[in-house]
N, C-alpha and C. Protein backbone atom coordinates (compact mmCIF):
# COMPACT_ATOMS: atom_id res chain seq x y z
N MET A 1 -18.14 -107.24 -164.77
CA MET A 1 -18.77 -105.95 -164.86
C MET A 1 -18.14 -105.04 -163.81
N THR A 2 -17.81 -103.82 -164.21
CA THR A 2 -17.25 -102.86 -163.27
C THR A 2 -18.37 -102.29 -162.40
N GLN A 3 -17.98 -101.62 -161.32
CA GLN A 3 -18.99 -101.01 -160.44
C GLN A 3 -19.76 -99.93 -161.21
N LYS A 4 -19.06 -99.19 -162.05
CA LYS A 4 -19.73 -98.16 -162.84
C LYS A 4 -20.77 -98.78 -163.78
N GLU A 5 -20.40 -99.87 -164.46
CA GLU A 5 -21.33 -100.54 -165.35
C GLU A 5 -22.53 -101.09 -164.58
N ALA A 6 -22.26 -101.67 -163.41
CA ALA A 6 -23.35 -102.20 -162.58
C ALA A 6 -24.27 -101.07 -162.13
N PHE A 7 -23.68 -99.95 -161.71
CA PHE A 7 -24.48 -98.79 -161.29
C PHE A 7 -25.41 -98.34 -162.41
N LEU A 8 -24.87 -98.18 -163.61
CA LEU A 8 -25.68 -97.72 -164.73
C LEU A 8 -26.76 -98.73 -165.09
N LYS A 9 -26.41 -100.01 -165.05
CA LYS A 9 -27.38 -101.07 -165.36
C LYS A 9 -28.55 -101.06 -164.39
N TYR A 10 -28.24 -101.02 -163.08
CA TYR A 10 -29.30 -101.07 -162.08
C TYR A 10 -30.06 -99.76 -161.99
N LEU A 11 -29.40 -98.66 -162.28
CA LEU A 11 -30.10 -97.37 -162.31
C LEU A 11 -31.10 -97.35 -163.46
N GLN A 12 -30.68 -97.84 -164.62
CA GLN A 12 -31.58 -97.89 -165.77
C GLN A 12 -32.79 -98.79 -165.48
N ARG A 13 -32.54 -99.89 -164.77
CA ARG A 13 -33.63 -100.81 -164.43
C ARG A 13 -34.45 -100.32 -163.24
N MET A 14 -33.96 -99.25 -162.57
CA MET A 14 -34.57 -98.73 -161.36
C MET A 14 -34.63 -99.81 -160.27
N ASP A 15 -33.54 -100.58 -160.17
CA ASP A 15 -33.45 -101.66 -159.18
C ASP A 15 -32.76 -101.14 -157.93
N ILE A 16 -33.55 -100.53 -157.05
CA ILE A 16 -33.02 -99.91 -155.83
C ILE A 16 -32.33 -100.92 -154.93
N GLY A 17 -32.84 -102.12 -154.83
CA GLY A 17 -32.23 -103.14 -153.99
C GLY A 17 -30.80 -103.44 -154.39
N MET A 18 -30.58 -103.61 -155.68
CA MET A 18 -29.23 -103.89 -156.17
C MET A 18 -28.33 -102.66 -156.06
N LEU A 19 -28.86 -101.49 -156.33
CA LEU A 19 -28.06 -100.27 -156.17
C LEU A 19 -27.62 -100.11 -154.72
N GLU A 20 -28.54 -100.34 -153.80
CA GLU A 20 -28.21 -100.21 -152.39
C GLU A 20 -27.11 -101.19 -152.00
N MET A 21 -27.14 -102.37 -152.59
CA MET A 21 -26.15 -103.39 -152.27
C MET A 21 -24.77 -103.08 -152.85
N ILE A 22 -24.70 -102.54 -154.07
CA ILE A 22 -23.40 -102.35 -154.71
C ILE A 22 -22.71 -101.03 -154.34
N LEU A 23 -23.48 -100.05 -153.88
CA LEU A 23 -22.88 -98.75 -153.57
C LEU A 23 -22.40 -98.69 -152.11
N ASP A 24 -21.22 -98.15 -151.93
CA ASP A 24 -20.59 -98.04 -150.62
C ASP A 24 -21.21 -96.88 -149.83
N ASP A 25 -21.49 -97.10 -148.55
CA ASP A 25 -22.09 -96.06 -147.70
C ASP A 25 -21.16 -94.87 -147.47
N SER A 26 -19.85 -95.08 -147.58
CA SER A 26 -18.90 -94.02 -147.23
C SER A 26 -18.53 -93.12 -148.41
N ILE A 27 -19.09 -93.36 -149.57
CA ILE A 27 -18.74 -92.58 -150.76
C ILE A 27 -19.83 -91.55 -151.02
N ILE A 28 -19.41 -90.39 -151.52
CA ILE A 28 -20.33 -89.32 -151.89
C ILE A 28 -20.74 -89.52 -153.34
N TYR A 29 -22.04 -89.50 -153.60
CA TYR A 29 -22.58 -89.69 -154.94
C TYR A 29 -23.22 -88.41 -155.42
N PHE A 30 -22.66 -87.82 -156.49
CA PHE A 30 -23.18 -86.58 -157.06
C PHE A 30 -23.33 -85.51 -156.00
N GLY A 31 -22.35 -85.42 -155.10
CA GLY A 31 -22.33 -84.39 -154.08
C GLY A 31 -23.18 -84.67 -152.85
N ALA A 32 -23.65 -85.90 -152.70
CA ALA A 32 -24.54 -86.22 -151.58
C ALA A 32 -24.18 -87.59 -151.00
N SER A 33 -24.53 -87.79 -149.73
CA SER A 33 -24.34 -89.11 -149.13
C SER A 33 -25.23 -90.11 -149.86
N LYS A 34 -24.95 -91.37 -149.68
CA LYS A 34 -25.75 -92.43 -150.32
C LYS A 34 -27.23 -92.30 -149.95
N LYS A 35 -27.51 -92.05 -148.69
CA LYS A 35 -28.90 -91.95 -148.23
C LYS A 35 -29.60 -90.76 -148.89
N VAL A 36 -28.93 -89.62 -148.96
CA VAL A 36 -29.51 -88.43 -149.59
C VAL A 36 -29.66 -88.66 -151.09
N PHE A 37 -28.66 -89.26 -151.72
CA PHE A 37 -28.72 -89.56 -153.15
C PHE A 37 -29.95 -90.41 -153.47
N PHE A 38 -30.14 -91.49 -152.69
CA PHE A 38 -31.30 -92.35 -152.92
C PHE A 38 -32.59 -91.61 -152.65
N GLY A 39 -32.62 -90.77 -151.64
CA GLY A 39 -33.82 -90.00 -151.34
C GLY A 39 -34.21 -89.10 -152.50
N LYS A 40 -33.24 -88.42 -153.09
CA LYS A 40 -33.52 -87.55 -154.23
C LYS A 40 -33.91 -88.37 -155.45
N ALA A 41 -33.25 -89.51 -155.66
CA ALA A 41 -33.59 -90.37 -156.79
C ALA A 41 -35.01 -90.89 -156.66
N ILE A 42 -35.38 -91.26 -155.46
CA ILE A 42 -36.72 -91.79 -155.21
C ILE A 42 -37.77 -90.71 -155.48
N LEU A 43 -37.51 -89.50 -155.02
CA LEU A 43 -38.47 -88.42 -155.25
C LEU A 43 -38.59 -88.09 -156.73
N SER A 44 -37.46 -88.10 -157.45
CA SER A 44 -37.51 -87.72 -158.86
C SER A 44 -38.06 -88.82 -159.75
N LYS A 45 -37.92 -90.08 -159.34
CA LYS A 45 -38.37 -91.20 -160.17
C LYS A 45 -39.66 -91.84 -159.66
N GLY A 46 -40.14 -91.42 -158.50
CA GLY A 46 -41.35 -92.01 -157.96
C GLY A 46 -41.16 -93.38 -157.34
N TRP A 47 -39.91 -93.73 -156.99
CA TRP A 47 -39.66 -95.01 -156.34
C TRP A 47 -40.20 -94.96 -154.92
N ASN A 48 -40.54 -96.12 -154.37
CA ASN A 48 -40.97 -96.19 -152.98
C ASN A 48 -40.64 -97.55 -152.41
N ASN A 49 -40.87 -97.70 -151.12
CA ASN A 49 -40.66 -98.97 -150.42
C ASN A 49 -39.24 -99.51 -150.52
N ILE A 50 -38.24 -98.67 -150.22
CA ILE A 50 -36.87 -99.16 -150.31
C ILE A 50 -36.28 -99.52 -148.95
N GLY A 51 -36.94 -99.17 -147.88
CA GLY A 51 -36.51 -99.60 -146.56
C GLY A 51 -35.43 -98.78 -145.89
N PHE A 52 -35.26 -97.51 -146.25
CA PHE A 52 -34.28 -96.68 -145.55
C PHE A 52 -34.89 -96.15 -144.29
């Protein structure tokens, strides 16, 4: 499985733990740092308890 396929799979499942593990901290995601990206995703999807 490619990183893109894994990203889409875990995003669809809303598996924050796996997304956090597979995504690199030094890459910008949709114009934002990994931490900001996850923060916006959490707010928009109602996720919580991810440990950032």
